[in-house]
Amino acid sequence: MQYQDIKNLTEKELHLNLKDERAQLQKMKFSHAVSPIENPHKIRVVRKTIAKYLTEINRRRNENKA
């Protein structure tokens, strides 16, 4: 997901998507530990997506404080 798309989400959608992405990452890590997944690059993509969600959540939180 592009950062521009993430900016347009509501606060609730951000938190729901973040929760889903974290669950997906955990599932991918477990399956990769048991047997190597076909494309391990997907793990990196999910981690970066999580970082994008967290960046937007923190940006909005800091915006509200100022």
PDB file of N, CA and C in Angstrom:
ATOM      1  N   MET A   1       0.849  -1.178   0.000  1.00  0.00           N
ATOM      2  CA  MET A   1       0.000   0.000   0.000  1.00  0.00           C
ATOM      3  C   MET A   1       0.895   1.240   0.000  1.00  0.00           C
ATOM      4  N   GLN A   2       0.529   2.186  -0.812  1.00  0.00           N
ATOM      5  CA  GLN A   2       1.293   3.425  -0.915  1.00  0.00           C
ATOM      6  C   GLN A   2       0.988   4.335   0.270  1.00  0.00           C
ATOM      7  N   TYR A   3       1.960   5.147   0.634  1.00  0.00           N
ATOM      8  CA  TYR A   3       1.783   6.040   1.771  1.00  0.00           C
ATOM      9  C   TYR A   3       0.651   7.037   1.521  1.00  0.00           C
ATOM     10  N   GLN A   4       0.473   7.434   0.283  1.00  0.00           N
ATOM     11  CA  GLN A   4      -0.607   8.372  -0.057  1.00  0.00           C
ATOM     12  C   GLN A   4      -1.964   7.753   0.268  1.00  0.00           C
ATOM     13  N   ASP A   5      -2.116   6.448   0.028  1.00  0.00           N
ATOM     14  CA  ASP A   5      -3.370   5.768   0.360  1.00  0.00           C
ATOM     15  C   ASP A   5      -3.566   5.690   1.869  1.00  0.00           C
ATOM     16  N   ILE A   6      -2.480   5.485   2.585  1.00  0.00           N
ATOM     17  CA  ILE A   6      -2.547   5.382   4.037  1.00  0.00           C
ATOM     18  C   ILE A   6      -2.969   6.716   4.649  1.00  0.00           C
ATOM     19  N   LYS A   7      -2.518   7.814   4.071  1.00  0.00           N
ATOM     20  CA  LYS A   7      -2.879   9.143   4.576  1.00  0.00           C
ATOM     21  C   LYS A   7      -4.387   9.379   4.530  1.00  0.00           C
ATOM     22  N   ASN A   8      -5.078   8.748   3.587  1.00  0.00           N
ATOM     23  CA  ASN A   8      -6.507   8.973   3.410  1.00  0.00           C
ATOM     24  C   ASN A   8      -7.373   8.106   4.322  1.00  0.00           C
ATOM     25  N   LEU A   9      -6.767   7.192   5.078  1.00  0.00           N
ATOM     26  CA  LEU A   9      -7.533   6.314   5.954  1.00  0.00           C
ATOM     27  C   LEU A   9      -7.914   7.039   7.240  1.00  0.00           C
ATOM     28  N   THR A  10      -8.994   6.572   7.853  1.00  0.00           N
ATOM     29  CA  THR A  10      -9.389   7.121   9.144  1.00  0.00           C
ATOM     30  C   THR A  10      -8.529   6.506  10.237  1.00  0.00           C
ATOM     31  N   GLU A  11      -8.620   7.071  11.422  1.00  0.00           N
ATOM     32  CA  GLU A  11      -7.838   6.577  12.567  1.00  0.00           C
ATOM     33  C   GLU A  11      -8.175   5.119  12.873  1.00  0.00           C
ATOM     34  N   LYS A  12      -9.454   4.809  12.834  1.00  0.00           N
ATOM     35  CA  LYS A  12      -9.896   3.445  13.141  1.00  0.00           C
ATOM     36  C   LYS A  12      -9.383   2.464  12.084  1.00  0.00           C
ATOM     37  N   GLU A  13      -9.459   2.857  10.818  1.00  0.00           N
ATOM     38  CA  GLU A  13      -8.968   1.991   9.738  1.00  0.00           C
ATOM     39  C   GLU A  13      -7.462   1.761   9.854  1.00  0.00           C
ATOM     40  N   LEU A  14      -6.735   2.799  10.251  1.00  0.00           N
ATOM     41  CA  LEU A  14      -5.291   2.657  10.435  1.00  0.00           C
ATOM     42  C   LEU A  14      -4.980   1.588  11.480  1.00  0.00           C
ATOM     43  N   HIS A  15      -5.648   1.656  12.606  1.00  0.00           N
ATOM     44  CA  HIS A  15      -5.383   0.705  13.680  1.00  0.00           C
ATOM     45  C   HIS A  15      -5.813  -0.711  13.302  1.00  0.00           C
ATOM     46  N   LEU A  16      -6.930  -0.846  12.603  1.00  0.00           N
ATOM     47  CA  LEU A  16      -7.372  -2.169  12.164  1.00  0.00           C
ATOM     48  C   LEU A  16      -6.400  -2.780  11.159  1.00  0.00           C
ATOM     49  N   ASN A  17      -5.970  -1.976  10.196  1.00  0.00           N
ATOM     50  CA  ASN A  17      -5.027  -2.467   9.196  1.00  0.00           C
ATOM     51  C   ASN A  17      -3.680  -2.814   9.824  1.00  0.00           C
ATOM     52  N   LEU A  18      -3.260  -2.015  10.786  1.00  0.00           N
ATOM     53  CA  LEU A  18      -2.001  -2.286  11.485  1.00  0.00           C
ATOM     54  C   LEU A  18      -2.083  -3.631  12.215  1.00  0.00           C
ATOM     55  N   LYS A  19      -3.193  -3.858  12.868  1.00  0.00           N
ATOM     56  CA  LYS A  19      -3.385  -5.122  13.586  1.00  0.00           C
ATOM     57  C   LYS A  19      -3.350  -6.303  12.619  1.00  0.00           C
ATOM     58  N   ASP A  20      -4.010  -6.166  11.474  1.00  0.00           N
ATOM     59  CA  ASP A  20      -4.029  -7.228  10.465  1.00  0.00           C
ATOM     60  C   ASP A  20      -2.630  -7.488   9.900  1.00  0.00           C
ATOM     61  N   GLU A  21      -1.899  -6.426   9.623  1.00  0.00           N
ATOM     62  CA  GLU A  21      -0.546  -6.572   9.060  1.00  0.00           C
ATOM     63  C   GLU A  21       0.393  -7.243  10.062  1.00  0.00           C
ATOM     64  N   ARG A  22       0.258  -6.888  11.324  1.00  0.00           N
ATOM     65  CA  ARG A  22       1.101  -7.514  12.349  1.00  0.00           C
ATOM     66  C   ARG A  22       0.790  -8.998  12.473  1.00  0.00           C
ATOM     67  N   ALA A  23      -0.484  -9.357  12.400  1.00  0.00           N
ATOM     68  CA  ALA A  23      -0.867 -10.766  12.459  1.00  0.00           C
ATOM     69  C   ALA A  23      -0.321 -11.513  11.240  1.00  0.00           C
ATOM     70  N   GLN A  24      -0.403 -10.879  10.078  1.00  0.00           N
ATOM     71  CA  GLN A  24       0.109 -11.490   8.859  1.00  0.00           C
ATOM     72  C   GLN A  24       1.621 -11.689   8.958  1.00  0.00           C
ATOM     73  N   LEU A  25       2.339 -10.706   9.493  1.00  0.00           N
ATOM     74  CA  LEU A  25       3.788 -10.819   9.644  1.00  0.00           C
ATOM     75  C   LEU A  25       4.146 -11.973  10.578  1.00  0.00           C
ATOM     76  N   GLN A  26       3.444 -12.073  11.677  1.00  0.00           N
ATOM     77  CA  GLN A  26       3.724 -13.147  12.620  1.00  0.00           C
ATOM     78  C   GLN A  26       3.490 -14.509  11.970  1.00  0.00           C
ATOM     79  N   LYS A  27       2.406 -14.627  11.231  1.00  0.00           N
ATOM     80  CA  LYS A  27       2.089 -15.876  10.543  1.00  0.00           C
ATOM     81  C   LYS A  27       3.167 -16.215   9.515  1.00  0.00           C
ATOM     82  N   MET A  28       3.618 -15.212   8.781  1.00  0.00           N
ATOM     83  CA  MET A  28       4.648 -15.437   7.768  1.00  0.00           C
ATOM     84  C   MET A  28       5.970 -15.852   8.414  1.00  0.00           C
ATOM     85  N   LYS A  29       6.320 -15.236   9.535  1.00  0.00           N
ATOM     86  CA  LYS A  29       7.568 -15.589  10.218  1.00  0.00           C
ATOM     87  C   LYS A  29       7.526 -17.031  10.722  1.00  0.00           C
ATOM     88  N   PHE A  30       6.383 -17.435  11.287  1.00  0.00           N
ATOM     89  CA  PHE A  30       6.264 -18.809  11.772  1.00  0.00           C
ATOM     90  C   PHE A  30       6.363 -19.801  10.622  1.00  0.00           C
ATOM     91  N   SER A  31       5.664 -19.532   9.539  1.00  0.00           N
ATOM     92  CA  SER A  31       5.701 -20.462   8.411  1.00  0.00           C
ATOM     93  C   SER A  31       7.085 -20.493   7.773  1.00  0.00           C
ATOM     94  N   HIS A  32       7.791 -19.376   7.782  1.00  0.00           N
ATOM     95  CA  HIS A  32       9.130 -19.331   7.225  1.00  0.00           C
ATOM     96  C   HIS A  32      10.118 -20.085   8.120  1.00  0.00           C
ATOM     97  N   ALA A  33       9.877 -20.086   9.424  1.00  0.00           N
ATOM     98  CA  ALA A  33      10.753 -20.810  10.338  1.00  0.00           C
ATOM     99  C   ALA A  33      10.595 -22.322  10.172  1.00  0.00           C
ATOM    100  N   VAL A  34       9.374 -22.760   9.912  1.00  0.00           N
ATOM    101  CA  VAL A  34       9.109 -24.190   9.749  1.00  0.00           C
ATOM    102  C   VAL A  34       9.668 -24.689   8.418  1.00  0.00           C
ATOM    103  N   SER A  35       9.284 -24.021   7.363  1.00  0.00           N
ATOM    104  CA  SER A  35       9.813 -24.356   6.043  1.00  0.00           C
ATOM    105  C   SER A  35       9.931 -23.064   5.261  1.00  0.00           C
ATOM    106  N   PRO A  36      11.030 -22.870   4.560  1.00  0.00           N
ATOM    107  CA  PRO A  36      11.235 -21.595   3.855  1.00  0.00           C
ATOM    108  C   PRO A  36      10.090 -21.279   2.887  1.00  0.00           C
ATOM    109  N   ILE A  37       9.590 -20.047   2.979  1.00  0.00           N
ATOM    110  CA  ILE A  37       8.532 -19.645   2.069  1.00  0.00           C
ATOM    111  C   ILE A  37       9.132 -19.348   0.701  1.00  0.00           C
ATOM    112  N   GLU A  38       8.282 -19.367  -0.304  1.00  0.00           N
ATOM    113  CA  GLU A  38       8.742 -19.230  -1.681  1.00  0.00           C
ATOM    114  C   GLU A  38       9.405 -17.886  -1.938  1.00  0.00           C
ATOM    115  N   ASN A  39       8.819 -16.816  -1.398  1.00  0.00           N
ATOM    116  CA  ASN A  39       9.351 -15.479  -1.645  1.00  0.00           C
ATOM    117  C   ASN A  39       9.548 -14.756  -0.304  1.00  0.00           C
ATOM    118  N   PRO A  40      10.727 -14.865   0.298  1.00  0.00           N
ATOM    119  CA  PRO A  40      10.946 -14.229   1.595  1.00  0.00           C
ATOM    120  C   PRO A  40      10.931 -12.706   1.539  1.00  0.00           C
ATOM    121  N   HIS A  41      10.972 -12.140   0.344  1.00  0.00           N
ATOM    122  CA  HIS A  41      10.899 -10.684   0.202  1.00  0.00           C
ATOM    123  C   HIS A  41       9.558 -10.147   0.712  1.00  0.00           C
ATOM    124  N   LYS A  42       8.531 -10.982   0.708  1.00  0.00           N
ATOM    125  CA  LYS A  42       7.213 -10.569   1.197  1.00  0.00           C
ATOM    126  C   LYS A  42       7.266 -10.157   2.667  1.00  0.00           C
ATOM    127  N   ILE A  43       8.137 -10.790   3.445  1.00  0.00           N
ATOM    128  CA  ILE A  43       8.271 -10.437   4.858  1.00  0.00           C
ATOM    129  C   ILE A  43       8.753  -8.999   4.976  1.00  0.00           C
ATOM    130  N   ARG A  44       9.712  -8.630   4.158  1.00  0.00           N
ATOM    131  CA  ARG A  44      10.238  -7.257   4.187  1.00  0.00           C
ATOM    132  C   ARG A  44       9.159  -6.259   3.788  1.00  0.00           C
ATOM    133  N   VAL A  45       8.361  -6.608   2.791  1.00  0.00           N
ATOM    134  CA  VAL A  45       7.296  -5.712   2.331  1.00  0.00           C
ATOM    135  C   VAL A  45       6.278  -5.483   3.447  1.00  0.00           C
ATOM    136  N   VAL A  46       5.914  -6.536   4.156  1.00  0.00           N
ATOM    137  CA  VAL A  46       4.941  -6.407   5.246  1.00  0.00           C
ATOM    138  C   VAL A  46       5.525  -5.550   6.368  1.00  0.00           C
ATOM    139  N   ARG A  47       6.805  -5.747   6.690  1.00  0.00           N
ATOM    140  CA  ARG A  47       7.447  -4.927   7.729  1.00  0.00           C
ATOM    141  C   ARG A  47       7.443  -3.455   7.351  1.00  0.00           C
ATOM    142  N   LYS A  48       7.704  -3.160   6.093  1.00  0.00           N
ATOM    143  CA  LYS A  48       7.706  -1.770   5.643  1.00  0.00           C
ATOM    144  C   LYS A  48       6.300  -1.179   5.672  1.00  0.00           C
ATOM    145  N   THR A  49       5.302  -1.989   5.366  1.00  0.00           N
ATOM    146  CA  THR A  49       3.918  -1.518   5.425  1.00  0.00           C
ATOM    147  C   THR A  49       3.535  -1.186   6.860  1.00  0.00           C
ATOM    148  N   ILE A  50       3.944  -2.028   7.800  1.00  0.00           N
ATOM    149  CA  ILE A  50       3.692  -1.762   9.218  1.00  0.00           C
ATOM    150  C   ILE A  50       4.341  -0.444   9.617  1.00  0.00           C
ATOM    151  N   ALA A  51       5.555  -0.216   9.156  1.00  0.00           N
ATOM    152  CA  ALA A  51       6.258   1.027   9.475  1.00  0.00           C
ATOM    153  C   ALA A  51       5.515   2.237   8.909  1.00  0.00           C
ATOM    154  N   LYS A  52       4.944   2.100   7.741  1.00  0.00           N
ATOM    155  CA  LYS A  52       4.176   3.206   7.143  1.00  0.00           C
ATOM    156  C   LYS A  52       2.947   3.529   7.988  1.00  0.00           C
ATOM    157  N   TYR A  53       2.249   2.478   8.459  1.00  0.00           N
ATOM    158  CA  TYR A  53       1.082   2.702   9.314  1.00  0.00           C
ATOM    159  C   TYR A  53       1.498   3.392  10.609  1.00  0.00           C
ATOM    160  N   LEU A  54       2.563   2.911  11.229  1.00  0.00           N
ATOM    161  CA  LEU A  54       3.019   3.509  12.481  1.00  0.00           C
ATOM    162  C   LEU A  54       3.464   4.949  12.282  1.00  0.00           C
ATOM    163  N   THR A  55       4.101   5.241  11.158  1.00  0.00           N
ATOM    164  CA  THR A  55       4.531   6.606  10.862  1.00  0.00           C
ATOM    165  C   THR A  55       3.336   7.543  10.779  1.00  0.00           C
ATOM    166  N   GLU A  56       2.299   7.112  10.097  1.00  0.00           N
ATOM    167  CA  GLU A  56       1.112   7.956   9.960  1.00  0.00           C
ATOM    168  C   GLU A  56       0.395   8.128  11.297  1.00  0.00           C
ATOM    169  N   ILE A  57       0.298   7.061  12.086  1.00  0.00           N
ATOM    170  CA  ILE A  57      -0.345   7.157  13.398  1.00  0.00           C
ATOM    171  C   ILE A  57       0.413   8.140  14.277  1.00  0.00           C
ATOM    172  N   ASN A  58       1.738   8.042  14.310  1.00  0.00           N
ATOM    173  CA  ASN A  58       2.547   8.952  15.129  1.00  0.00           C
ATOM    174  C   ASN A  58       2.493  10.382  14.613  1.00  0.00           C
ATOM    175  N   ARG A  59       2.435  10.550  13.296  1.00  0.00           N
ATOM    176  CA  ARG A  59       2.344  11.893  12.719  1.00  0.00           C
ATOM    177  C   ARG A  59       1.055  12.564  13.173  1.00  0.00           C
ATOM    178  N   ARG A  60      -0.031  11.828  13.126  1.00  0.00           N
ATOM    179  CA  ARG A  60      -1.319  12.391  13.554  1.00  0.00           C
ATOM    180  C   ARG A  60      -1.345  12.669  15.052  1.00  0.00           C
ATOM    181  N   ARG A  61      -0.734  11.787  15.839  1.00  0.00           N
ATOM    182  CA  ARG A  61      -0.682  11.983  17.282  1.00  0.00           C
ATOM    183  C   ARG A  61       0.110  13.252  17.614  1.00  0.00           C
ATOM    184  N   ASN A  62       1.231  13.462  16.939  1.00  0.00           N
ATOM    185  CA  ASN A  62       2.048  14.663  17.180  1.00  0.00           C
ATOM    186  C   ASN A  62       1.362  15.922  16.673  1.00  0.00           C
ATOM    187  N   GLU A  63       0.591  15.800  15.620  1.00  0.00           N
ATOM    188  CA  GLU A  63      -0.165  16.932  15.083  1.00  0.00           C
ATOM    189  C   GLU A  63      -1.184  17.420  16.097  1.00  0.00           C
ATOM    190  N   ASN A  64      -1.822  16.467  16.782  1.00  0.00           N
ATOM    191  CA  ASN A  64      -2.854  16.814  17.773  1.00  0.00           C
ATOM    192  C   ASN A  64      -2.254  17.466  19.009  1.00  0.00           C
ATOM    193  N   LYS A  65      -1.027  17.117  19.365  1.00  0.00           N
ATOM    194  CA  LYS A  65      -0.382  17.687  20.541  1.00  0.00           C
ATOM    195  C   LYS A  65       0.048  19.136  20.310  1.00  0.00           C
ATOM    196  N   ALA A  66       0.432  19.435  19.100  1.00  0.00           N
ATOM    197  CA  ALA A  66       0.958  20.792  18.818  1.00  0.00           C
ATOM    198  C   ALA A  66      -0.135  21.802  18.671  1.00  0.00           C
TER     199      ALA A  66
END
